[in-house]
Protein backbone atom coordinates (compact mmCIF):
# COMPACT_ATOMS: atom_id res chain seq x y z
CA MET A 1 -3.63 20.28 -24.65
CA ALA A 2 -3.33 17.93 -21.67
CA GLU A 3 -3.57 19.48 -18.22
CA PHE A 4 -0.19 19.89 -16.51
CA ARG A 5 -0.32 18.38 -13.04
CA LYS A 6 1.97 19.07 -10.08
CA LEU A 7 2.78 16.20 -7.73
CA ALA A 8 3.54 15.81 -4.05
CA ILE A 9 4.91 12.36 -3.21
CA LEU A 10 4.72 10.82 0.26
CA GLY A 11 7.38 8.09 0.32
CA SER A 12 9.45 9.28 -2.64
CA THR A 13 12.49 7.07 -2.01
CA GLY A 14 10.50 3.83 -1.69
CA SER A 15 9.69 1.46 -4.53
CA ILE A 16 6.43 3.16 -5.59
CA GLY A 17 7.89 6.63 -5.10
CA ARG A 18 10.87 5.86 -7.34
CA GLN A 19 8.67 4.34 -10.03
CA THR A 20 6.31 7.33 -9.85
CA LEU A 21 9.26 9.59 -10.59
CA SER A 22 10.20 7.31 -13.48
CA VAL A 23 6.74 7.91 -14.95
CA VAL A 24 7.09 11.66 -14.35
CA GLU A 25 10.48 11.72 -16.06
CA ALA A 26 9.04 9.91 -19.08
CA MET A 27 6.24 12.51 -19.37
CA PRO A 28 7.83 15.90 -18.51
CA GLU A 29 5.24 17.75 -20.58
CA ARG A 30 2.46 16.50 -18.27
CA PHE A 31 3.93 16.36 -14.77
CA GLY A 32 6.11 18.32 -12.38
CA VAL A 33 7.13 17.67 -8.77
CA VAL A 34 6.57 20.30 -6.07
CA ALA A 35 7.02 18.32 -2.84
CA LEU A 36 8.77 15.14 -1.70
CA ALA A 37 8.65 13.29 1.63
CA ALA A 38 11.17 10.59 2.45
CA GLY A 39 12.54 8.80 5.48
CA GLY A 40 16.29 8.38 5.91
CA ASN A 41 17.55 7.47 2.42
CA LEU A 42 19.32 10.76 1.69
CA ASP A 43 21.40 9.28 -1.14
CA GLU A 44 18.24 8.68 -3.15
CA LEU A 45 16.52 11.86 -2.01
CA VAL A 46 19.41 14.16 -3.00
CA GLY A 47 19.32 12.80 -6.54
CA GLN A 48 15.54 13.26 -6.70
CA ILE A 49 15.83 16.87 -5.54
CA GLU A 50 18.59 17.58 -8.05
CA ARG A 51 16.45 16.27 -10.91
CA HIS A 52 13.05 17.68 -9.93
CA ARG A 53 13.78 20.78 -7.79
CA PRO A 54 10.75 20.53 -5.47
CA GLU A 55 9.74 23.53 -3.37
CA VAL A 56 9.25 21.49 -0.17
CA VAL A 57 10.87 18.29 1.12
CA SER A 58 10.60 16.30 4.32
CA VAL A 59 12.91 13.79 6.00
CA GLY A 60 12.30 11.34 8.80
CA ASP A 61 13.89 13.16 11.73
CA ALA A 62 15.47 16.46 12.74
CA ALA A 63 19.04 15.10 12.54
CA LYS A 64 18.65 14.61 8.79
CA VAL A 65 17.60 18.22 8.07
CA ASP A 66 21.04 19.82 8.37
CA GLU A 67 22.71 16.85 6.69
CA LEU A 68 20.38 17.12 3.70
CA ALA A 69 20.88 20.89 3.45
CA GLY A 70 24.64 20.46 3.49
CA ARG A 71 24.60 17.79 0.82
CA LEU A 72 22.32 19.85 -1.42
CA LYS A 73 24.60 22.89 -1.10
CA ALA A 74 27.60 20.71 -1.98
CA THR A 75 25.90 19.56 -5.16
CA GLY A 76 25.01 23.10 -6.19
CA VAL A 77 21.25 22.99 -5.65
CA SER A 78 20.00 26.57 -5.40
CA PRO A 79 17.70 27.79 -4.11
CA LEU A 80 17.34 25.13 -1.45
CA PRO A 81 13.85 23.71 -0.91
CA ALA A 82 12.13 24.26 2.41
CA ILE A 83 13.20 21.24 4.49
CA HIS A 84 10.89 19.81 7.15
CA HIS A 85 10.89 16.58 9.16
CA GLY A 86 8.66 14.07 10.93
CA ARG A 87 4.90 14.45 11.27
CA GLU A 88 4.93 18.16 10.52
CA GLY A 89 7.01 17.51 7.40
CA MET A 90 4.66 14.86 6.07
CA LEU A 91 1.74 17.23 6.57
CA ALA A 92 3.62 20.05 4.81
CA VAL A 93 4.19 17.84 1.76
CA GLY A 94 0.70 16.30 1.70
CA THR A 95 -1.07 19.65 2.01
CA HIS A 96 1.28 21.72 -0.18
CA ALA A 97 -0.89 24.35 -1.87
CA ALA A 98 0.69 23.92 -5.30
CA ALA A 99 0.15 20.15 -5.46
CA ASP A 100 -2.67 18.90 -7.69
CA ILE A 101 -2.00 15.20 -7.01
CA VAL A 102 -0.74 13.63 -3.80
CA VAL A 103 0.86 10.22 -4.33
CA SER A 104 0.40 8.39 -1.03
CA ALA A 105 3.19 5.81 -1.09
CA ALA A 106 4.75 6.06 2.38
CA VAL A 107 5.00 2.72 4.15
CA GLY A 108 3.08 2.41 7.41
CA VAL A 109 0.81 4.77 9.34
CA VAL A 110 3.39 7.53 8.92
CA GLY A 111 1.56 8.62 5.77
CA LEU A 112 -1.97 8.25 7.12
CA GLU A 113 -2.57 11.69 8.63
CA ALA A 114 -1.02 13.59 5.72
CA THR A 115 -3.11 11.65 3.21
CA TYR A 116 -6.27 12.28 5.22
CA GLU A 117 -5.59 16.02 5.28
CA ALA A 118 -4.91 16.00 1.53
CA VAL A 119 -8.24 14.23 0.97
CA LYS A 120 -10.05 16.87 3.02
CA LEU A 121 -8.45 19.58 0.86
CA GLY A 122 -9.93 17.97 -2.25
CA LYS A 123 -6.61 17.01 -3.82
CA ILE A 124 -6.42 14.11 -6.28
CA ILE A 125 -5.09 11.11 -4.33
CA ALA A 126 -3.11 8.38 -6.06
CA LEU A 127 -3.24 5.80 -3.29
CA SER A 128 -0.62 3.13 -2.68
CA ASN A 129 -0.40 3.26 1.12
CA LYS A 130 -2.55 0.38 2.39
CA GLU A 131 -2.80 1.74 5.92
CA VAL A 132 -4.91 4.69 4.79
CA LEU A 133 -7.99 2.56 4.13
CA VAL A 134 -7.19 -0.48 6.27
CA ALA A 135 -6.76 1.56 9.45
CA ALA A 136 -9.11 4.47 8.73
CA GLY A 137 -11.31 3.55 5.76
CA GLU A 138 -14.56 4.92 7.14
CA LEU A 139 -13.06 8.31 8.09
CA VAL A 140 -11.10 8.70 4.87
CA MET A 141 -13.96 7.76 2.54
CA ALA A 142 -16.33 10.10 4.40
CA ALA A 143 -13.81 12.92 3.83
CA ALA A 144 -13.47 11.98 0.15
CA LYS A 145 -17.25 12.05 -0.27
CA MET A 146 -17.40 15.45 1.42
CA ALA A 147 -14.68 16.76 -0.92
CA GLY A 148 -16.35 15.23 -3.98
CA ARG A 149 -13.26 13.20 -4.93
CA GLU A 150 -12.65 9.54 -5.55
CA LEU A 151 -9.38 7.90 -4.53
CA LEU A 152 -7.41 6.54 -7.48
CA PRO A 153 -5.78 3.22 -6.55
CA VAL A 154 -2.19 2.52 -7.52
CA ASP A 155 -1.95 -1.05 -6.21
CA SER A 156 -2.19 -3.30 -9.26
CA GLU A 157 -5.22 -5.25 -7.96
CA HIS A 158 -7.38 -2.26 -7.11
CA ASN A 159 -6.19 -0.39 -10.17
CA ALA A 160 -7.36 -3.34 -12.24
CA VAL A 161 -10.78 -3.34 -10.55
CA HIS A 162 -11.07 0.41 -11.15
CA GLN A 163 -10.41 -0.14 -14.85
CA CYS A 164 -12.86 -3.04 -15.12
CA LEU A 165 -15.62 -1.09 -13.36
CA ARG A 166 -15.55 1.40 -16.23
CA GLY A 167 -17.31 -1.34 -18.22
CA GLY A 168 -20.53 -1.33 -16.19
CA GLU A 169 -22.70 0.34 -13.56
CA HIS A 170 -22.21 -0.18 -9.82
CA ARG A 171 -25.64 -1.83 -9.52
CA GLU A 172 -24.60 -4.38 -12.17
CA VAL A 173 -21.62 -5.70 -10.18
CA LEU A 174 -21.98 -9.18 -8.72
CA ARG A 175 -18.51 -9.52 -7.20
CA LEU A 176 -14.92 -8.39 -7.35
CA VAL A 177 -12.22 -11.04 -7.76
CA LEU A 178 -8.77 -10.10 -6.49
CA THR A 179 -5.93 -12.26 -7.77
CA ALA A 180 -3.01 -13.38 -5.60
CA SER A 181 0.26 -14.92 -6.74
CA GLY A 182 0.29 -17.25 -3.75
CA GLY A 183 3.81 -16.10 -2.95
CA PRO A 184 6.77 -18.45 -2.55
CA PHE A 185 4.97 -21.03 -0.38
CA ARG A 186 1.76 -21.80 -2.24
CA LYS A 187 2.92 -25.38 -2.91
CA SER A 188 5.22 -25.92 0.08
CA PRO A 189 4.31 -28.75 2.47
CA LEU A 190 2.46 -27.25 5.42
CA ALA A 191 4.91 -28.87 7.84
CA SER A 192 7.79 -26.97 6.23
CA LEU A 193 6.29 -23.54 7.00
CA ALA A 194 7.40 -23.79 10.63
CA SER A 195 11.05 -23.48 9.55
CA VAL A 196 10.71 -20.77 6.89
CA THR A 197 13.57 -18.23 6.96
CA PRO A 198 13.35 -14.51 6.12
CA GLU A 199 15.46 -15.13 3.02
CA GLN A 200 12.97 -17.72 1.74
CA ALA A 201 9.97 -15.51 2.49
CA LEU A 202 11.56 -12.53 0.73
CA ALA A 203 12.05 -14.49 -2.50
CA HIS A 204 8.82 -13.48 -4.23
CA PRO A 205 8.35 -15.29 -7.57
CA ASN A 206 6.91 -12.35 -9.55
CA TRP A 207 7.31 -8.94 -7.93
CA LYS A 208 10.20 -6.92 -6.55
CA MET A 209 8.81 -5.03 -3.56
CA GLY A 210 9.72 -3.71 -0.13
CA SER A 211 10.44 -6.14 2.71
CA ARG A 212 7.16 -5.83 4.59
CA ILE A 213 4.85 -6.18 1.60
CA THR A 214 6.91 -9.14 0.36
CA ILE A 215 6.43 -10.94 3.69
CA ASP A 216 2.75 -9.94 3.64
CA SER A 217 2.53 -11.58 0.23
CA ALA A 218 4.07 -14.77 1.62
CA THR A 219 1.49 -14.88 4.45
CA MET A 220 -1.23 -13.45 2.14
CA MET A 221 -1.97 -10.72 4.66
CA ASN A 222 -1.49 -8.27 1.80
CA LYS A 223 -4.53 -9.82 0.14
CA GLY A 224 -6.47 -9.47 3.39
CA PHE A 225 -5.58 -5.79 3.45
CA GLU A 226 -6.67 -5.51 -0.18
CA VAL A 227 -10.07 -7.03 0.61
CA ILE A 228 -10.59 -4.37 3.28
CA GLU A 229 -9.41 -1.62 0.92
CA ALA A 230 -11.68 -2.85 -1.88
CA ARG A 231 -14.70 -2.68 0.40
CA TRP A 232 -14.07 1.03 0.99
CA LEU A 233 -12.77 2.00 -2.45
CA PHE A 234 -15.60 0.46 -4.43
CA GLY A 235 -18.51 0.54 -2.00
CA VAL A 236 -19.26 -3.19 -2.08
CA ARG A 237 -20.24 -5.61 0.67
CA PRO A 238 -17.53 -7.86 2.16
CA ASP A 239 -19.27 -10.93 0.72
CA GLN A 240 -18.90 -9.46 -2.78
CA ILE A 241 -15.09 -9.66 -2.65
CA ASP A 242 -13.35 -12.94 -3.50
CA VAL A 243 -9.68 -13.91 -3.74
CA VAL A 244 -8.21 -16.49 -6.11
CA ILE A 245 -4.63 -17.66 -6.52
CA HIS A 246 -3.25 -16.83 -9.96
CA PRO A 247 0.47 -17.65 -9.94
CA GLN A 248 1.33 -15.89 -13.21
CA SER A 249 0.18 -12.46 -11.87
CA THR A 250 -0.87 -11.54 -15.42
CA ILE A 251 -4.53 -10.93 -14.59
CA HIS A 252 -4.40 -8.32 -11.86
CA SER A 253 -8.08 -8.56 -10.89
CA MET A 254 -11.54 -9.22 -12.33
CA VAL A 255 -15.08 -7.95 -11.99
CA GLU A 256 -18.04 -10.29 -12.46
CA PHE A 257 -21.33 -8.69 -13.43
CA VAL A 258 -24.85 -9.90 -12.70
CA ASP A 259 -25.31 -11.24 -16.24
CA GLY A 260 -22.34 -13.59 -15.83
CA SER A 261 -19.90 -11.47 -17.83
CA VAL A 262 -16.41 -11.17 -16.37
CA LEU A 263 -14.03 -8.35 -17.21
CA ALA A 264 -10.35 -8.92 -16.43
CA GLN A 265 -7.44 -6.50 -16.60
CA LEU A 266 -4.14 -7.97 -17.83
CA GLY A 267 -0.71 -6.40 -17.74
CA PRO A 268 2.98 -7.03 -17.05
CA THR A 269 4.28 -7.18 -13.49
CA ASP A 270 5.43 -3.57 -13.70
CA MET A 271 4.00 -0.95 -11.35
CA ARG A 272 4.66 1.91 -13.75
CA MET A 273 1.51 0.94 -15.67
CA PRO A 274 -1.00 1.39 -12.79
CA ILE A 275 0.91 4.46 -11.57
CA GLN A 276 0.56 6.12 -14.98
CA TYR A 277 -3.12 5.18 -15.12
CA ALA A 278 -3.77 6.86 -11.77
CA LEU A 279 -1.77 9.99 -12.65
CA THR A 280 -3.40 10.52 -16.05
CA TYR A 281 -6.98 9.39 -15.22
CA PRO A 282 -9.53 9.76 -16.77
CA GLU A 283 -7.33 9.74 -19.88
CA ARG A 284 -5.36 6.79 -21.16
CA VAL A 285 -1.98 7.96 -22.40
CA ALA A 286 0.37 6.08 -24.70
CA SER A 287 3.46 4.64 -23.04
CA ASN A 288 6.50 2.94 -24.52
CA GLN A 289 7.86 1.92 -21.14
CA VAL A 290 5.90 -1.24 -20.40
CA ALA A 291 3.88 -3.79 -22.35
CA LEU A 292 2.65 -7.35 -21.92
CA ASN A 293 4.84 -9.91 -23.69
CA TRP A 294 2.25 -12.09 -25.38
CA SER A 295 4.86 -14.54 -26.70
CA LYS A 296 5.64 -15.56 -23.12
CA LEU A 297 1.99 -15.87 -22.08
CA ARG A 298 1.50 -19.64 -22.27
CA ARG A 299 -1.16 -20.28 -19.64
CA LEU A 300 -3.32 -18.74 -16.95
CA ASP A 301 -3.85 -20.87 -13.83
CA PHE A 302 -6.27 -20.33 -10.94
CA ALA A 303 -6.77 -22.03 -7.59
CA ARG A 304 -8.80 -21.54 -4.43
CA VAL A 305 -7.11 -20.03 -1.37
CA SER A 306 -6.58 -22.34 1.60
CA THR A 307 -7.09 -20.42 4.86
CA ARG A 308 -5.31 -23.31 6.58
CA ARG A 309 -2.19 -22.40 4.61
CA PHE A 310 -2.93 -18.67 4.75
CA PRO A 311 -4.66 -17.92 8.09
CA CYS A 312 -3.88 -14.19 7.77
CA LEU A 313 -6.55 -13.86 5.08
CA ARG A 314 -9.13 -15.29 7.51
CA LEU A 315 -7.98 -12.88 10.23
CA ALA A 316 -8.34 -9.93 7.87
CA ARG A 317 -11.90 -10.87 6.97
CA GLU A 318 -12.77 -11.29 10.65
CA ALA A 319 -11.31 -7.86 11.48
CA MET A 320 -13.26 -6.29 8.61
CA LYS A 321 -16.48 -7.91 9.80
CA ARG A 322 -15.98 -6.66 13.38
CA GLY A 323 -15.07 -3.17 12.16
CA GLY A 324 -14.18 -0.23 14.39
CA ALA A 325 -10.60 -0.46 15.63
CA MET A 326 -10.09 -4.06 14.52
CA PRO A 327 -8.72 -3.45 11.00
CA CYS A 328 -6.38 -0.81 12.45
CA ALA A 329 -5.19 -3.32 15.08
CA LEU A 330 -4.79 -5.97 12.36
CA ASN A 331 -2.42 -3.72 10.42
CA ALA A 332 -0.44 -2.57 13.45
CA ALA A 333 0.01 -6.10 14.80
CA ASP A 334 1.07 -7.36 11.39
CA GLU A 335 3.73 -4.68 11.04
CA ILE A 336 5.23 -5.51 14.45
CA ALA A 337 5.05 -9.27 13.82
CA VAL A 338 6.64 -9.01 10.36
CA ALA A 339 9.48 -6.86 11.73
CA ALA A 340 10.08 -9.44 14.48
CA PHE A 341 10.17 -12.24 11.91
CA LEU A 342 12.67 -10.33 9.75
CA ASP A 343 14.79 -9.82 12.90
CA ARG A 344 14.55 -13.58 13.58
CA ARG A 345 12.76 -12.98 16.89
CA LEU A 346 9.52 -14.65 15.71
CA PRO A 347 8.97 -17.75 13.58
CA PHE A 348 7.07 -17.43 10.31
CA LEU A 349 3.98 -19.14 11.75
CA GLY A 350 4.19 -16.82 14.73
CA ILE A 351 3.04 -13.91 12.55
CA PRO A 352 -0.65 -14.92 12.40
CA GLY A 353 -0.47 -16.10 16.01
CA VAL A 354 0.58 -12.65 17.27
CA ILE A 355 -2.05 -10.93 15.13
CA GLU A 356 -4.84 -13.20 16.35
CA ARG A 357 -3.97 -12.61 20.00
CA VAL A 358 -3.89 -8.84 19.51
CA LEU A 359 -7.34 -8.94 17.87
CA GLU A 360 -8.64 -10.94 20.83
CA ARG A 361 -7.28 -8.37 23.28
CA MET A 362 -8.23 -5.22 21.37
CA PRO A 363 -11.27 -3.40 22.77
CA ARG A 364 -14.04 -2.46 20.36
CA VAL A 365 -13.83 1.25 19.58
CA LYS A 366 -15.63 3.33 16.97
CA PHE A 367 -13.46 5.98 15.35
CA GLU A 368 -14.73 9.54 15.45
CA LYS A 369 -11.53 11.38 14.46
CA MET A 370 -8.02 10.65 13.22
CA ASP A 371 -6.55 10.87 16.74
CA ASP A 372 -8.70 7.83 17.65
CA VAL A 373 -7.05 5.88 14.81
CA LEU A 374 -3.53 6.86 15.87
CA THR A 375 -4.28 5.98 19.51
CA ALA A 376 -5.63 2.55 18.56
CA ASP A 377 -2.61 1.97 16.33
CA MET A 378 -0.22 2.70 19.21
CA GLU A 379 -2.15 0.45 21.60
CA ALA A 380 -2.20 -2.45 19.12
CA ARG A 381 1.54 -2.08 18.55
CA ARG A 382 2.14 -2.19 22.30
CA MET A 383 0.10 -5.39 22.57
CA ALA A 384 1.88 -6.93 19.57
CA LYS A 385 5.30 -6.25 21.10
CA GLU A 386 4.13 -7.95 24.31
CA GLU A 387 2.99 -10.97 22.31
CA VAL A 388 6.26 -11.17 20.38
CA GLU A 389 8.18 -11.05 23.66
CA ARG A 390 5.92 -13.74 25.15
CA VAL A 391 6.68 -16.05 22.19
CA ALA A 392 10.41 -15.31 22.46
CA VAL A 393 10.45 -16.11 26.20
CA ALA A 394 8.48 -19.31 25.63
CA ALA A 395 10.92 -20.40 22.92
CA ALA A 396 13.94 -19.64 25.11
CA THR A 397 12.61 -21.70 28.03
CA ALA A 398 11.34 -24.60 25.93
């Protein structure tokens, strides 16, 4: 009989969190939910609590605690779960004693500390939060090694690499090849990128995702983050990680071995497949939810990535090479710059500009503990806000 696993989900009301619960609901004999952490989307969270009856929940701030309790009482939920908020709440969910698996799907550094603590406790980590390894890869992987656990990637690209690596030994790997859709602007004239609107950048051709990751796909910063993550997840050198544009998003990633063989993982553009893989690993479990439609698979195209079109990928590689606080600063500056673009306070091409200036200003620091990461993150955000304001002032006086 399959082992029954209890889940804690960081970021339960986001896209990955909701799809994780969809997988759980399709496999009630295998999974239960004991803890949920969300931000401010109480409408979604109340429904999740009604369906799954977790023991512990967390919301973004103290003002939401009483509101959530009142709404749960009104819907007849009894007994009420323990309700926490903020940093302490995230930690309570991520370290909940009953949780076997922690799904790290919170957006931003808000989920970083809780995931790190869960890793140290030896819990199974299904990782979707990019910041965990981009900002603190060395610390987190050292903790995972100490606990004797590997991190199970949920992102489709790293999940694909994980699956392909089951076909060979680590010493036999020549390189990892991460595929990128190219986003909505892979064929746009370079001159037109200066006038890109948030609506255009949010129109991803293949995936339905949150706002930030959709913009990161348009700039290809998401692929830069994935290169950094792959380095830590799979223990390869930076020069062993390549990126190719594959507009169909059918091949999620590939592994090339020293004998020239290439293994590729194919699947539909549906995140429930990699989520289920991570939750049930090392088993493969039958699913009737998602499948590749072979009748629609007409062609598979590939192209090289232009760093002139996608300078964020170059910046990510530079930050990875410099190490220390630089990848953390890269992520923090990107988050601030993307938010400014979505608020129409920064042009699309201003995103890499802000990030590059923050990397130039950021002092080199080696991380010894998680507080060092959080301090560097705050400092990089402060610098990024200054750079956004500088661009805004320059534009207003031009």
